[in-house]
PDB file of all heavy atoms in Angstrom:
ATOM      1  N   GLU A   1      -5.765  13.155  21.122  1.00  0.00           N
ATOM      2  CA  GLU A   1      -6.791  13.025  22.154  1.00  0.00           C
ATOM      3  C   GLU A   1      -6.353  12.096  23.278  1.00  0.00           C
ATOM      4  O   GLU A   1      -6.717  12.292  24.452  1.00  0.00           O
ATOM      5  CB  GLU A   1      -8.105  12.521  21.531  1.00  0.00           C
ATOM      6  CG  GLU A   1      -8.754  13.533  20.599  1.00  0.00           C
ATOM      7  CD  GLU A   1     -10.033  13.006  19.960  1.00  0.00           C
ATOM      8  OE1 GLU A   1     -10.367  11.818  20.189  1.00  0.00           O
ATOM      9  OE2 GLU A   1     -10.679  13.782  19.229  1.00  0.00           O
ATOM     10  N   LEU A   2      -5.535  11.111  22.927  1.00  0.00           N
ATOM     11  CA  LEU A   2      -5.039  10.164  23.920  1.00  0.00           C
ATOM     12  C   LEU A   2      -4.212  10.893  24.996  1.00  0.00           C
ATOM     13  O   LEU A   2      -4.445  10.708  26.199  1.00  0.00           O
ATOM     14  CB  LEU A   2      -4.191   9.098  23.236  1.00  0.00           C
ATOM     15  CG  LEU A   2      -3.748   7.913  24.071  1.00  0.00           C
ATOM     16  CD1 LEU A   2      -4.899   6.941  24.292  1.00  0.00           C
ATOM     17  CD2 LEU A   2      -2.587   7.174  23.405  1.00  0.00           C
ATOM     18  N   LYS A   3      -3.289  11.718  24.555  1.00  0.00           N
ATOM     19  CA  LYS A   3      -2.451  12.419  25.543  1.00  0.00           C
ATOM     20  C   LYS A   3      -3.194  13.568  26.216  1.00  0.00           C
ATOM     21  O   LYS A   3      -2.800  13.991  27.307  1.00  0.00           O
ATOM     22  CB  LYS A   3      -1.161  12.912  24.880  1.00  0.00           C
ATOM     23  CG  LYS A   3      -1.333  13.881  23.746  1.00  0.00           C
ATOM     24  CD  LYS A   3       0.035  14.185  23.112  1.00  0.00           C
ATOM     25  CE  LYS A   3      -0.079  15.132  21.936  1.00  0.00           C
ATOM     26  NZ  LYS A   3       1.235  15.382  21.300  1.00  0.00           N
ATOM     27  N   GLN A   4      -4.256  14.063  25.590  1.00  0.00           N
ATOM     28  CA  GLN A   4      -5.067  15.067  26.253  1.00  0.00           C
ATOM     29  C   GLN A   4      -5.894  14.450  27.378  1.00  0.00           C
ATOM     30  O   GLN A   4      -6.069  15.058  28.434  1.00  0.00           O
ATOM     31  CB  GLN A   4      -6.003  15.739  25.238  1.00  0.00           C
ATOM     32  CG  GLN A   4      -5.289  16.684  24.280  1.00  0.00           C
ATOM     33  CD  GLN A   4      -6.194  17.207  23.179  1.00  0.00           C
ATOM     34  OE1 GLN A   4      -7.395  16.937  23.163  1.00  0.00           O
ATOM     35  NE2 GLN A   4      -5.626  17.959  22.243  1.00  0.00           N
ATOM     36  N   LEU A   5      -6.364  13.238  27.156  1.00  0.00           N
ATOM     37  CA  LEU A   5      -7.130  12.552  28.193  1.00  0.00           C
ATOM     38  C   LEU A   5      -6.267  12.255  29.412  1.00  0.00           C
ATOM     39  O   LEU A   5      -6.710  12.422  30.550  1.00  0.00           O
ATOM     40  CB  LEU A   5      -7.700  11.243  27.632  1.00  0.00           C
ATOM     41  CG  LEU A   5      -8.992  11.332  26.817  1.00  0.00           C
ATOM     42  CD1 LEU A   5      -9.281   9.996  26.148  1.00  0.00           C
ATOM     43  CD2 LEU A   5     -10.160  11.734  27.708  1.00  0.00           C
ATOM     44  N   ASP A   6      -5.043  11.815  29.181  1.00  0.00           N
ATOM     45  CA  ASP A   6      -4.128  11.503  30.276  1.00  0.00           C
ATOM     46  C   ASP A   6      -2.706  11.876  29.842  1.00  0.00           C
ATOM     47  O   ASP A   6      -2.085  11.158  29.062  1.00  0.00           O
ATOM     48  CB  ASP A   6      -4.202  10.010  30.632  1.00  0.00           C
ATOM     49  CG  ASP A   6      -3.473   9.700  31.932  1.00  0.00           C
ATOM     50  OD1 ASP A   6      -2.621  10.521  32.336  1.00  0.00           O
ATOM     51  OD2 ASP A   6      -3.745   8.637  32.521  1.00  0.00           O
ATOM     52  N   PRO A   7      -2.179  13.005  30.354  1.00  0.00           N
ATOM     53  CA  PRO A   7      -0.836  13.454  29.967  1.00  0.00           C
ATOM     54  C   PRO A   7       0.258  12.427  30.253  1.00  0.00           C
ATOM     55  O   PRO A   7       1.348  12.525  29.690  1.00  0.00           O
ATOM     56  CB  PRO A   7      -0.638  14.714  30.820  1.00  0.00           C
ATOM     57  CG  PRO A   7      -2.027  15.221  31.095  1.00  0.00           C
ATOM     58  CD  PRO A   7      -2.860  13.978  31.235  1.00  0.00           C
ATOM     59  N   ALA A   8      -0.025  11.441  31.114  1.00  0.00           N
ATOM     60  CA  ALA A   8       0.973  10.408  31.397  1.00  0.00           C
ATOM     61  C   ALA A   8       1.325   9.609  30.156  1.00  0.00           C
ATOM     62  O   ALA A   8       2.380   8.964  30.098  1.00  0.00           O
ATOM     63  CB  ALA A   8       0.447   9.460  32.495  1.00  0.00           C
ATOM     64  N   TYR A   9       0.459   9.648  29.148  1.00  0.00           N
ATOM     65  CA  TYR A   9       0.703   8.930  27.905  1.00  0.00           C
ATOM     66  C   TYR A   9       1.358   9.804  26.849  1.00  0.00           C
ATOM     67  O   TYR A   9       1.437   9.410  25.684  1.00  0.00           O
ATOM     68  CB  TYR A   9      -0.612   8.358  27.360  1.00  0.00           C
ATOM     69  CG  TYR A   9      -1.169   7.235  28.187  1.00  0.00           C
ATOM     70  CD1 TYR A   9      -2.092   7.481  29.189  1.00  0.00           C
ATOM     71  CD2 TYR A   9      -0.786   5.913  27.973  1.00  0.00           C
ATOM     72  CE1 TYR A   9      -2.618   6.458  29.969  1.00  0.00           C
ATOM     73  CE2 TYR A   9      -1.297   4.875  28.733  1.00  0.00           C
ATOM     74  CZ  TYR A   9      -2.209   5.163  29.724  1.00  0.00           C
ATOM     75  OH  TYR A   9      -2.708   4.151  30.500  1.00  0.00           O
ATOM     76  N   GLY A  10       1.815  10.980  27.255  1.00  0.00           N
ATOM     77  CA  GLY A  10       2.390  11.917  26.287  1.00  0.00           C
ATOM     78  C   GLY A  10       3.584  11.357  25.545  1.00  0.00           C
ATOM     79  O   GLY A  10       3.682  11.473  24.314  1.00  0.00           O
ATOM     80  N   ASP A  11       4.515  10.754  26.274  1.00  0.00           N
ATOM     81  CA  ASP A  11       5.720  10.205  25.634  1.00  0.00           C
ATOM     82  C   ASP A  11       5.371   9.045  24.699  1.00  0.00           C
ATOM     83  O   ASP A  11       5.924   8.941  23.590  1.00  0.00           O
ATOM     84  CB  ASP A  11       6.711   9.735  26.704  1.00  0.00           C
ATOM     85  CG  ASP A  11       7.323  10.906  27.462  1.00  0.00           C
ATOM     86  OD1 ASP A  11       7.260  12.037  26.967  1.00  0.00           O
ATOM     87  OD2 ASP A  11       7.851  10.669  28.568  1.00  0.00           O
ATOM     88  N   ASP A  12       4.481   8.167  25.156  1.00  0.00           N
ATOM     89  CA  ASP A  12       4.072   7.047  24.313  1.00  0.00           C
ATOM     90  C   ASP A  12       3.383   7.531  23.043  1.00  0.00           C
ATOM     91  O   ASP A  12       3.589   6.984  21.956  1.00  0.00           O
ATOM     92  CB  ASP A  12       3.120   6.114  25.080  1.00  0.00           C
ATOM     93  CG  ASP A  12       3.892   5.137  25.961  1.00  0.00           C
ATOM     94  OD1 ASP A  12       4.993   4.735  25.581  1.00  0.00           O
ATOM     95  OD2 ASP A  12       3.392   4.776  27.027  1.00  0.00           O
ATOM     96  N   ALA A  13       2.540   8.557  23.204  1.00  0.00           N
ATOM     97  CA  ALA A  13       1.821   9.093  22.043  1.00  0.00           C
ATOM     98  C   ALA A  13       2.799   9.706  21.039  1.00  0.00           C
ATOM     99  O   ALA A  13       2.651   9.535  19.820  1.00  0.00           O
ATOM    100  CB  ALA A  13       0.790  10.134  22.498  1.00  0.00           C
ATOM    101  N   GLN A  14       3.820  10.404  21.555  1.00  0.00           N
ATOM    102  CA  GLN A  14       4.811  11.025  20.675  1.00  0.00           C
ATOM    103  C   GLN A  14       5.625   9.966  19.930  1.00  0.00           C
ATOM    104  O   GLN A  14       5.867  10.078  18.725  1.00  0.00           O
ATOM    105  CB  GLN A  14       5.744  11.927  21.498  1.00  0.00           C
ATOM    106  CG  GLN A  14       6.781  12.659  20.668  1.00  0.00           C
ATOM    107  CD  GLN A  14       6.152  13.620  19.664  1.00  0.00           C
ATOM    108  OE1 GLN A  14       5.101  14.197  19.904  1.00  0.00           O
ATOM    109  NE2 GLN A  14       6.802  13.769  18.509  1.00  0.00           N
ATOM    110  N   ALA A  15       6.031   8.913  20.658  1.00  0.00           N
ATOM    111  CA  ALA A  15       6.807   7.843  20.016  1.00  0.00           C
ATOM    112  C   ALA A  15       5.957   7.120  18.976  1.00  0.00           C
ATOM    113  O   ALA A  15       6.459   6.775  17.892  1.00  0.00           O
ATOM    114  CB  ALA A  15       7.296   6.854  21.088  1.00  0.00           C
ATOM    115  N   THR A  16       4.688   6.911  19.279  1.00  0.00           N
ATOM    116  CA  THR A  16       3.780   6.253  18.321  1.00  0.00           C
ATOM    117  C   THR A  16       3.576   7.138  17.097  1.00  0.00           C
ATOM    118  O   THR A  16       3.524   6.642  15.965  1.00  0.00           O
ATOM    119  CB  THR A  16       2.435   5.944  18.977  1.00  0.00           C
ATOM    120  OG1 THR A  16       2.651   5.153  20.160  1.00  0.00           O
ATOM    121  CG2 THR A  16       1.535   5.166  18.034  1.00  0.00           C
ATOM    122  N   ARG A  17       3.482   8.443  17.315  1.00  0.00           N
ATOM    123  CA  ARG A  17       3.305   9.379  16.199  1.00  0.00           C
ATOM    124  C   ARG A  17       4.502   9.325  15.243  1.00  0.00           C
ATOM    125  O   ARG A  17       4.330   9.338  14.010  1.00  0.00           O
ATOM    126  CB  ARG A  17       3.132  10.796  16.757  1.00  0.00           C
ATOM    127  CG  ARG A  17       3.142  11.908  15.685  1.00  0.00           C
ATOM    128  CD  ARG A  17       1.935  11.831  14.765  1.00  0.00           C
ATOM    129  NE  ARG A  17       2.038  12.768  13.678  1.00  0.00           N
ATOM    130  CZ  ARG A  17       1.647  14.060  13.746  1.00  0.00           C
ATOM    131  NH1 ARG A  17       1.131  14.531  14.870  1.00  0.00           N
ATOM    132  NH2 ARG A  17       1.737  14.844  12.710  1.00  0.00           N
ATOM    133  N   GLN A  18       5.695   9.216  15.776  1.00  0.00           N
ATOM    134  CA  GLN A  18       6.882   9.133  14.925  1.00  0.00           C
ATOM    135  C   GLN A  18       6.862   7.858  14.080  1.00  0.00           C
ATOM    136  O   GLN A  18       7.175   7.888  12.881  1.00  0.00           O
ATOM    137  CB  GLN A  18       8.132   9.182  15.802  1.00  0.00           C
ATOM    138  CG  GLN A  18       8.361  10.537  16.467  1.00  0.00           C
ATOM    139  CD  GLN A  18       9.544  10.526  17.435  1.00  0.00           C
ATOM    140  OE1 GLN A  18      10.149   9.481  17.681  1.00  0.00           O
ATOM    141  NE2 GLN A  18       9.866  11.684  17.977  1.00  0.00           N
ATOM    142  N   LEU A  19       6.497   6.752  14.704  1.00  0.00           N
ATOM    143  CA  LEU A  19       6.400   5.489  13.956  1.00  0.00           C
ATOM    144  C   LEU A  19       5.287   5.560  12.908  1.00  0.00           C
ATOM    145  O   LEU A  19       5.439   5.043  11.793  1.00  0.00           O
ATOM    146  CB  LEU A  19       6.134   4.332  14.923  1.00  0.00           C
ATOM    147  CG  LEU A  19       7.284   3.954  15.853  1.00  0.00           C
ATOM    148  CD1 LEU A  19       6.816   2.917  16.880  1.00  0.00           C
ATOM    149  CD2 LEU A  19       8.466   3.430  15.065  1.00  0.00           C
ATOM    150  N   LEU A  20       4.181   6.195  13.277  1.00  0.00           N
ATOM    151  CA  LEU A  20       3.063   6.341  12.355  1.00  0.00           C
ATOM    152  C   LEU A  20       3.460   7.170  11.140  1.00  0.00           C
ATOM    153  O   LEU A  20       3.144   6.822   9.991  1.00  0.00           O
ATOM    154  CB  LEU A  20       1.873   6.991  13.074  1.00  0.00           C
ATOM    155  CG  LEU A  20       0.659   7.355  12.221  1.00  0.00           C
ATOM    156  CD1 LEU A  20      -0.005   6.091  11.657  1.00  0.00           C
ATOM    157  CD2 LEU A  20      -0.339   8.180  13.030  1.00  0.00           C
ATOM    158  N   ASP A  21       4.149   8.287  11.385  1.00  0.00           N
ATOM    159  CA  ASP A  21       4.568   9.157  10.285  1.00  0.00           C
ATOM    160  C   ASP A  21       5.486   8.414   9.314  1.00  0.00           C
ATOM    161  O   ASP A  21       5.319   8.507   8.086  1.00  0.00           O
ATOM    162  CB  ASP A  21       5.295  10.380  10.840  1.00  0.00           C
ATOM    163  CG  ASP A  21       4.354  11.359  11.530  1.00  0.00           C
ATOM    164  OD1 ASP A  21       3.114  11.187  11.409  1.00  0.00           O
ATOM    165  OD2 ASP A  21       4.848  12.274  12.225  1.00  0.00           O
ATOM    166  N   THR A  22       6.450   7.706   9.867  1.00  0.00           N
ATOM    167  CA  THR A  22       7.385   6.967   9.021  1.00  0.00           C
ATOM    168  C   THR A  22       6.666   5.872   8.235  1.00  0.00           C
ATOM    169  O   THR A  22       6.909   5.668   7.035  1.00  0.00           O
ATOM    170  CB  THR A  22       8.513   6.356   9.870  1.00  0.00           C
ATOM    171  OG1 THR A  22       9.158   7.390  10.618  1.00  0.00           O
ATOM    172  CG2 THR A  22       9.536   5.652   8.985  1.00  0.00           C
ATOM    173  N   PHE A  23       5.802   5.151   8.914  1.00  0.00           N
ATOM    174  CA  PHE A  23       4.997   4.107   8.281  1.00  0.00           C
ATOM    175  C   PHE A  23       4.186   4.656   7.111  1.00  0.00           C
ATOM    176  O   PHE A  23       4.179   4.076   6.009  1.00  0.00           O
ATOM    177  CB  PHE A  23       4.082   3.494   9.348  1.00  0.00           C
ATOM    178  CG  PHE A  23       2.918   2.708   8.827  1.00  0.00           C
ATOM    179  CD1 PHE A  23       3.086   1.421   8.326  1.00  0.00           C
ATOM    180  CD2 PHE A  23       1.633   3.245   8.863  1.00  0.00           C
ATOM    181  CE1 PHE A  23       1.998   0.693   7.861  1.00  0.00           C
ATOM    182  CE2 PHE A  23       0.558   2.521   8.401  1.00  0.00           C
ATOM    183  CZ  PHE A  23       0.735   1.248   7.892  1.00  0.00           C
ATOM    184  N   TYR A  24       3.552   5.778   7.327  1.00  0.00           N
ATOM    185  CA  TYR A  24       2.709   6.391   6.282  1.00  0.00           C
ATOM    186  C   TYR A  24       3.558   6.894   5.116  1.00  0.00           C
ATOM    187  O   TYR A  24       3.218   6.679   3.948  1.00  0.00           O
ATOM    188  CB  TYR A  24       1.910   7.529   6.912  1.00  0.00           C
ATOM    189  CG  TYR A  24       1.053   8.304   5.938  1.00  0.00           C
ATOM    190  CD1 TYR A  24       0.104   7.678   5.144  1.00  0.00           C
ATOM    191  CD2 TYR A  24       1.198   9.698   5.817  1.00  0.00           C
ATOM    192  CE1 TYR A  24      -0.687   8.400   4.256  1.00  0.00           C
ATOM    193  CE2 TYR A  24       0.415  10.422   4.938  1.00  0.00           C
ATOM    194  CZ  TYR A  24      -0.514   9.779   4.162  1.00  0.00           C
ATOM    195  OH  TYR A  24      -1.306  10.484   3.278  1.00  0.00           O
ATOM    196  N   GLN A  25       4.672   7.527   5.419  1.00  0.00           N
ATOM    197  CA  GLN A  25       5.520   8.081   4.361  1.00  0.00           C
ATOM    198  C   GLN A  25       6.124   6.963   3.505  1.00  0.00           C
ATOM    199  O   GLN A  25       6.131   7.044   2.270  1.00  0.00           O
ATOM    200  CB  GLN A  25       6.644   8.918   4.997  1.00  0.00           C
ATOM    201  CG  GLN A  25       6.149  10.206   5.621  1.00  0.00           C
ATOM    202  CD  GLN A  25       7.181  10.867   6.522  1.00  0.00           C
ATOM    203  OE1 GLN A  25       8.325  10.381   6.618  1.00  0.00           O
ATOM    204  NE2 GLN A  25       6.792  11.937   7.194  1.00  0.00           N
ATOM    205  N   VAL A  26       6.629   5.921   4.166  1.00  0.00           N
ATOM    206  CA  VAL A  26       7.207   4.806   3.413  1.00  0.00           C
ATOM    207  C   VAL A  26       6.133   4.091   2.594  1.00  0.00           C
ATOM    208  O   VAL A  26       6.382   3.665   1.456  1.00  0.00           O
ATOM    209  CB  VAL A  26       7.918   3.816   4.371  1.00  0.00           C
ATOM    210  CG1 VAL A  26       8.361   2.555   3.622  1.00  0.00           C
ATOM    211  CG2 VAL A  26       9.113   4.491   5.037  1.00  0.00           C
ATOM    212  N   GLY A  27       4.931   3.989   3.155  1.00  0.00           N
ATOM    213  CA  GLY A  27       3.826   3.364   2.427  1.00  0.00           C
ATOM    214  C   GLY A  27       3.466   4.130   1.170  1.00  0.00           C
ATOM    215  O   GLY A  27       3.205   3.526   0.108  1.00  0.00           O
ATOM    216  N   GLN A  28       3.491   5.448   1.255  1.00  0.00           N
ATOM    217  CA  GLN A  28       3.225   6.272   0.068  1.00  0.00           C
ATOM    218  C   GLN A  28       4.326   6.084  -0.994  1.00  0.00           C
ATOM    219  O   GLN A  28       4.021   5.949  -2.176  1.00  0.00           O
ATOM    220  CB  GLN A  28       3.145   7.751   0.471  1.00  0.00           C
ATOM    221  CG  GLN A  28       1.892   8.141   1.234  1.00  0.00           C
ATOM    222  CD  GLN A  28       1.909   9.618   1.595  1.00  0.00           C
ATOM    223  OE1 GLN A  28       2.799  10.092   2.299  1.00  0.00           O
ATOM    224  NE2 GLN A  28       0.954  10.347   1.092  1.00  0.00           N
ATOM    225  N   GLN A  29       5.551   6.081  -0.524  1.00  0.00           N
ATOM    226  CA  GLN A  29       6.679   5.890  -1.453  1.00  0.00           C
ATOM    227  C   GLN A  29       6.604   4.524  -2.142  1.00  0.00           C
ATOM    228  O   GLN A  29       6.846   4.403  -3.343  1.00  0.00           O
ATOM    229  CB  GLN A  29       7.992   6.026  -0.689  1.00  0.00           C
ATOM    230  CG  GLN A  29       8.267   7.417  -0.171  1.00  0.00           C
ATOM    231  CD  GLN A  29       9.436   7.464   0.798  1.00  0.00           C
ATOM    232  OE1 GLN A  29      10.103   6.442   1.032  1.00  0.00           O
ATOM    233  NE2 GLN A  29       9.690   8.631   1.372  1.00  0.00           N
ATOM    234  N   MET A  30       6.225   3.512  -1.359  1.00  0.00           N
ATOM    235  CA  MET A  30       6.107   2.155  -1.920  1.00  0.00           C
ATOM    236  C   MET A  30       5.013   2.108  -2.984  1.00  0.00           C
ATOM    237  O   MET A  30       5.233   1.591  -4.106  1.00  0.00           O
ATOM    238  CB  MET A  30       5.788   1.172  -0.805  1.00  0.00           C
ATOM    239  CG  MET A  30       5.550  -0.254  -1.279  1.00  0.00           C
ATOM    240  SD  MET A  30       4.748  -1.274  -0.004  1.00  0.00           S
ATOM    241  CE  MET A  30       3.086  -0.546   0.026  1.00  0.00           C
ATOM    242  N   ALA A  31       3.840   2.645  -2.650  1.00  0.00           N
ATOM    243  CA  ALA A  31       2.730   2.606  -3.615  1.00  0.00           C
ATOM    244  C   ALA A  31       3.084   3.394  -4.867  1.00  0.00           C
ATOM    245  O   ALA A  31       2.763   2.967  -5.995  1.00  0.00           O
ATOM    246  CB  ALA A  31       1.466   3.159  -2.946  1.00  0.00           C
ATOM    247  N   ASP A  32       3.718   4.524  -4.681  1.00  0.00           N
ATOM    248  CA  ASP A  32       4.113   5.341  -5.835  1.00  0.00           C
ATOM    249  C   ASP A  32       5.126   4.593  -6.703  1.00  0.00           C
ATOM    250  O   ASP A  32       5.062   4.664  -7.950  1.00  0.00           O
ATOM    251  CB  ASP A  32       4.704   6.669  -5.343  1.00  0.00           C
ATOM    252  CG  ASP A  32       4.936   7.641  -6.481  1.00  0.00           C
ATOM    253  OD1 ASP A  32       3.952   8.137  -7.056  1.00  0.00           O
ATOM    254  OD2 ASP A  32       6.118   7.891  -6.814  1.00  0.00           O
ATOM    255  N   ALA A  33       6.029   3.878  -6.060  1.00  0.00           N
ATOM    256  CA  ALA A  33       7.032   3.107  -6.813  1.00  0.00           C
ATOM    257  C   ALA A  33       6.370   1.985  -7.598  1.00  0.00           C
ATOM    258  O   ALA A  33       6.710   1.737  -8.770  1.00  0.00           O
ATOM    259  CB  ALA A  33       8.074   2.535  -5.861  1.00  0.00           C
ATOM    260  N   TYR A  34       5.416   1.304  -7.020  1.00  0.00           N
ATOM    261  CA  TYR A  34       4.694   0.241  -7.727  1.00  0.00           C
ATOM    262  C   TYR A  34       3.994   0.819  -8.964  1.00  0.00           C
ATOM    263  O   TYR A  34       4.014   0.213 -10.043  1.00  0.00           O
ATOM    264  CB  TYR A  34       3.656  -0.390  -6.811  1.00  0.00           C
ATOM    265  CG  TYR A  34       4.150  -1.577  -6.014  1.00  0.00           C
ATOM    266  CD1 TYR A  34       4.261  -1.501  -4.636  1.00  0.00           C
ATOM    267  CD2 TYR A  34       4.495  -2.782  -6.643  1.00  0.00           C
ATOM    268  CE1 TYR A  34       4.709  -2.579  -3.881  1.00  0.00           C
ATOM    269  CE2 TYR A  34       4.950  -3.860  -5.898  1.00  0.00           C
ATOM    270  CZ  TYR A  34       5.050  -3.756  -4.519  1.00  0.00           C
ATOM    271  OH  TYR A  34       5.495  -4.836  -3.782  1.00  0.00           O
ATOM    272  N   ILE A  35       3.365   1.973  -8.801  1.00  0.00           N
ATOM    273  CA  ILE A  35       2.572   2.541  -9.885  1.00  0.00           C
ATOM    274  C   ILE A  35       3.467   3.105 -10.986  1.00  0.00           C
ATOM    275  O   ILE A  35       3.207   2.899 -12.178  1.00  0.00           O
ATOM    276  CB  ILE A  35       1.628   3.640  -9.336  1.00  0.00           C
ATOM    277  CG1 ILE A  35       0.570   3.019  -8.398  1.00  0.00           C
ATOM    278  CG2 ILE A  35       0.945   4.381 -10.488  1.00  0.00           C
ATOM    279  CD1 ILE A  35      -0.258   4.057  -7.639  1.00  0.00           C
TER     280      ILE A  35
END
């Protein structure tokens, strides 16, 4: 929705999405390893 509101934020939104995906995936792996 951020990049839909203002396409000027498209690159920032994409870069943030990549960091978010990695953060979430590593977090799942960490929790699974603890358990």
